[in-house]
Amino acid sequence: MIGLAPFRTVASRSLMMQVPKLRAAAPLVSRFSPILASSFHSSSPKLGLFSNIPPPPEVPKFKPSKFTVAEVTGMKWLTASLVSMVGFALFYGPQPINDLLLGIAFPIHAAIGASAPVTDYIPIRQYPKLRKFALFLLYGGTILTLYGCWVINTKDVGITAYISRLWHAREQKKLD
């Protein structure tokens, strides 16, 4: 501590020299500017520029309809059921009923998730035709995906076995 004593005294002297300047400026601010003085003390009422502005009007609260509540609840149940179906497929392997349910639930889940960016980034007030067209393409692709999953499940090995084949295709190619 002995080595820092000269620096400490220099710093404290410079601060002591600035304190009278600040004290001398404080009465000038409070004497000549009531706006600055009132904003300096948080307990005093605000004076001046913004005292006559009324508060904003209340925004009416949105009451969700039964359809909205049912839709959100359905999306949550669909997501939870997908978790259990994928776990069942990983544990038990290919099962026809599980493949059928996966072929229905996953494309619908993907369509719901993909419709969110469309509704967020294509506002209906600015681009009504473009939004309808984008949703038409999305739902048309969903219908084609549902049909493709049905074809894989009925005329091929099933979705779970098909994904297993794709997963192990490189290993099968090395064996051949």
Protein backbone atom coordinates (compact mmCIF):
# COMPACT_ATOMS: atom_id res chain seq x y z
CA MET A 1 0.00 0.00 0.00
CA ILE A 2 2.91 2.32 0.48
CA GLY A 3 3.69 2.34 -3.23
CA LEU A 4 0.16 3.54 -4.17
CA ALA A 5 -0.03 6.44 -1.69
CA PRO A 6 1.16 9.17 -4.10
CA PHE A 7 -1.42 8.12 -6.71
CA ARG A 8 -4.18 8.01 -4.15
CA THR A 9 -3.50 11.53 -2.97
CA VAL A 10 -3.35 12.84 -6.54
CA ALA A 11 -6.70 11.23 -7.36
CA SER A 12 -8.34 12.47 -4.19
CA ARG A 13 -7.01 16.00 -4.75
CA SER A 14 -8.43 16.10 -8.28
CA LEU A 15 -11.83 14.93 -7.02
CA MET A 16 -11.80 17.48 -4.22
CA MET A 17 -11.10 20.21 -6.74
CA GLN A 18 -14.14 19.19 -8.86
CA VAL A 19 -16.64 19.02 -5.97
CA PRO A 20 -16.95 22.81 -5.51
CA LYS A 21 -17.68 23.19 -9.23
CA LEU A 22 -20.57 20.74 -8.99
CA ARG A 23 -21.92 22.32 -5.83
CA ALA A 24 -21.78 25.76 -7.40
CA ALA A 25 -23.72 24.58 -10.48
CA ALA A 26 -26.54 22.92 -8.52
CA PRO A 27 -28.23 26.13 -7.25
CA LEU A 28 -28.15 27.60 -10.76
CA VAL A 29 -29.99 24.64 -12.20
CA SER A 30 -32.66 24.58 -9.52
CA ARG A 31 -33.05 28.37 -9.46
CA PHE A 32 -33.43 29.00 -13.20
CA SER A 33 -34.94 25.80 -14.62
CA PRO A 34 -37.96 24.30 -12.84
CA ILE A 35 -38.19 21.49 -15.44
CA LEU A 36 -34.65 20.30 -14.78
CA ALA A 37 -34.99 20.73 -11.05
CA SER A 38 -38.22 18.72 -10.90
CA SER A 39 -36.81 15.95 -13.07
CA PHE A 40 -33.71 15.81 -10.87
CA HIS A 41 -35.78 14.86 -7.82
CA SER A 42 -37.98 11.86 -8.48
CA SER A 43 -40.38 12.61 -5.61
CA SER A 44 -41.41 16.04 -6.90
CA PRO A 45 -44.18 16.41 -9.52
CA LYS A 46 -43.14 16.93 -13.13
CA LEU A 47 -43.57 20.47 -14.40
CA GLY A 48 -43.47 21.93 -17.86
CA LEU A 49 -43.57 20.21 -21.22
CA PHE A 50 -45.36 16.91 -20.62
CA SER A 51 -47.73 17.77 -17.77
CA ASN A 52 -50.84 18.34 -19.92
CA ILE A 53 -50.68 15.15 -22.05
CA PRO A 54 -53.58 12.80 -21.28
CA PRO A 55 -52.92 9.08 -20.77
CA PRO A 56 -53.46 6.86 -23.81
CA PRO A 57 -56.91 5.32 -24.28
CA GLU A 58 -57.45 1.77 -23.10
CA VAL A 59 -57.08 -0.91 -25.73
CA PRO A 60 -60.01 -3.34 -25.81
CA LYS A 61 -59.02 -6.81 -24.69
CA PHE A 62 -59.30 -9.66 -27.16
CA LYS A 63 -61.57 -12.44 -25.99
CA PRO A 64 -60.59 -15.63 -27.79
CA SER A 65 -63.36 -17.62 -29.37
CA LYS A 66 -64.04 -21.28 -28.65
CA PHE A 67 -62.54 -22.17 -32.02
CA THR A 68 -59.24 -20.45 -31.18
CA VAL A 69 -58.98 -22.21 -27.83
CA ALA A 70 -59.80 -25.56 -29.43
CA GLU A 71 -57.25 -24.98 -32.20
CA VAL A 72 -54.44 -24.15 -29.77
CA THR A 73 -55.35 -27.10 -27.56
CA GLY A 74 -55.44 -29.39 -30.59
CA MET A 75 -51.99 -28.23 -31.70
CA LYS A 76 -50.57 -28.97 -28.25
CA TRP A 77 -52.15 -32.44 -28.19
CA LEU A 78 -50.88 -33.13 -31.70
CA THR A 79 -47.32 -32.23 -30.70
CA ALA A 80 -47.49 -34.35 -27.56
CA SER A 81 -48.87 -37.30 -29.52
CA LEU A 82 -46.04 -36.99 -32.05
CA VAL A 83 -43.50 -37.33 -29.26
CA SER A 84 -45.10 -40.55 -28.08
CA MET A 85 -45.51 -41.93 -31.61
CA VAL A 86 -41.85 -41.30 -32.50
CA GLY A 87 -40.77 -42.90 -29.22
CA PHE A 88 -42.98 -45.91 -29.94
CA ALA A 89 -41.50 -46.22 -33.44
CA LEU A 90 -37.94 -46.07 -32.10
CA PHE A 91 -38.62 -48.63 -29.38
CA TYR A 92 -40.84 -51.16 -31.18
CA GLY A 93 -39.87 -50.65 -34.80
CA PRO A 94 -42.29 -50.66 -37.73
CA GLN A 95 -45.95 -51.08 -36.75
CA PRO A 96 -48.75 -50.45 -39.28
CA ILE A 97 -51.04 -48.46 -36.96
CA ASN A 98 -48.20 -46.28 -35.70
CA ASP A 99 -47.04 -45.69 -39.28
CA LEU A 100 -50.56 -44.64 -40.28
CA LEU A 101 -50.81 -42.22 -37.35
CA LEU A 102 -47.35 -40.79 -38.08
CA GLY A 103 -48.34 -40.37 -41.73
CA ILE A 104 -51.32 -38.25 -40.68
CA ALA A 105 -49.99 -36.36 -37.65
CA PHE A 106 -46.58 -35.30 -38.92
CA PRO A 107 -47.70 -33.55 -42.16
CA ILE A 108 -50.47 -31.72 -40.27
CA HIS A 109 -47.98 -30.67 -37.58
CA ALA A 110 -45.57 -29.45 -40.27
CA ALA A 111 -48.34 -27.51 -42.04
CA ILE A 112 -49.36 -25.76 -38.83
CA GLY A 113 -45.74 -24.84 -38.13
CA ALA A 114 -45.13 -23.63 -41.69
CA SER A 115 -48.29 -21.52 -41.75
CA ALA A 116 -46.97 -19.31 -38.93
CA PRO A 117 -44.27 -17.58 -41.06
CA VAL A 118 -46.79 -17.08 -43.86
CA THR A 119 -49.24 -15.34 -41.54
CA ASP A 120 -46.44 -13.36 -39.86
CA TYR A 121 -44.52 -12.14 -42.90
CA ILE A 122 -47.27 -11.76 -45.49
CA PRO A 123 -49.78 -9.34 -43.95
CA ILE A 124 -53.30 -9.72 -45.26
CA ARG A 125 -53.84 -5.94 -45.40
CA GLN A 126 -50.92 -5.37 -47.77
CA TYR A 127 -50.83 -8.59 -49.80
CA PRO A 128 -54.21 -10.35 -49.64
CA LYS A 129 -53.79 -12.28 -52.90
CA LEU A 130 -50.19 -13.29 -52.18
CA ARG A 131 -51.14 -14.57 -48.75
CA LYS A 132 -54.02 -16.64 -50.15
CA PHE A 133 -51.69 -18.03 -52.81
CA ALA A 134 -48.97 -18.89 -50.25
CA LEU A 135 -51.48 -20.65 -47.99
CA PHE A 136 -52.93 -22.44 -51.03
CA LEU A 137 -49.45 -23.74 -51.92
CA LEU A 138 -48.80 -24.74 -48.32
CA TYR A 139 -52.05 -26.64 -47.88
CA GLY A 140 -51.75 -28.17 -51.35
CA GLY A 141 -48.28 -29.42 -50.43
CA THR A 142 -49.69 -30.79 -47.19
CA ILE A 143 -52.35 -32.76 -49.07
CA LEU A 144 -49.71 -34.15 -51.44
CA THR A 145 -47.55 -35.10 -48.44
CA LEU A 146 -50.49 -36.87 -46.79
CA TYR A 147 -51.09 -38.79 -50.04
CA GLY A 148 -47.38 -39.69 -50.26
CA CYS A 149 -47.38 -40.98 -46.68
CA TRP A 150 -50.50 -43.02 -47.43
CA VAL A 151 -48.81 -44.55 -50.50
CA ILE A 152 -45.68 -45.41 -48.48
CA ASN A 153 -47.80 -46.98 -45.74
CA THR A 154 -50.13 -49.00 -48.00
CA LYS A 155 -48.01 -49.97 -51.01
CA ASP A 156 -44.53 -50.00 -49.52
CA VAL A 157 -42.94 -51.00 -46.21
CA GLY A 158 -44.30 -48.15 -44.04
CA ILE A 159 -42.86 -44.86 -42.83
CA THR A 160 -40.81 -46.27 -39.95
CA ALA A 161 -39.17 -48.99 -42.07
CA TYR A 162 -38.66 -46.51 -44.93
CA ILE A 163 -36.82 -44.07 -42.65
CA SER A 164 -34.80 -46.99 -41.26
CA ARG A 165 -33.82 -47.93 -44.82
CA LEU A 166 -32.75 -44.36 -45.56
CA TRP A 167 -30.83 -44.17 -42.30
CA HIS A 168 -28.85 -47.35 -42.98
CA ALA A 169 -28.49 -46.93 -46.77
CA ARG A 170 -24.82 -45.98 -46.63
CA GLU A 171 -24.01 -49.03 -44.47
CA GLN A 172 -25.93 -51.31 -46.86
CA LYS A 173 -24.06 -49.82 -49.81
CA LYS A 174 -20.70 -50.60 -48.17
CA LEU A 175 -21.77 -54.21 -47.51
CA ASP A 176 -22.76 -54.80 -51.14
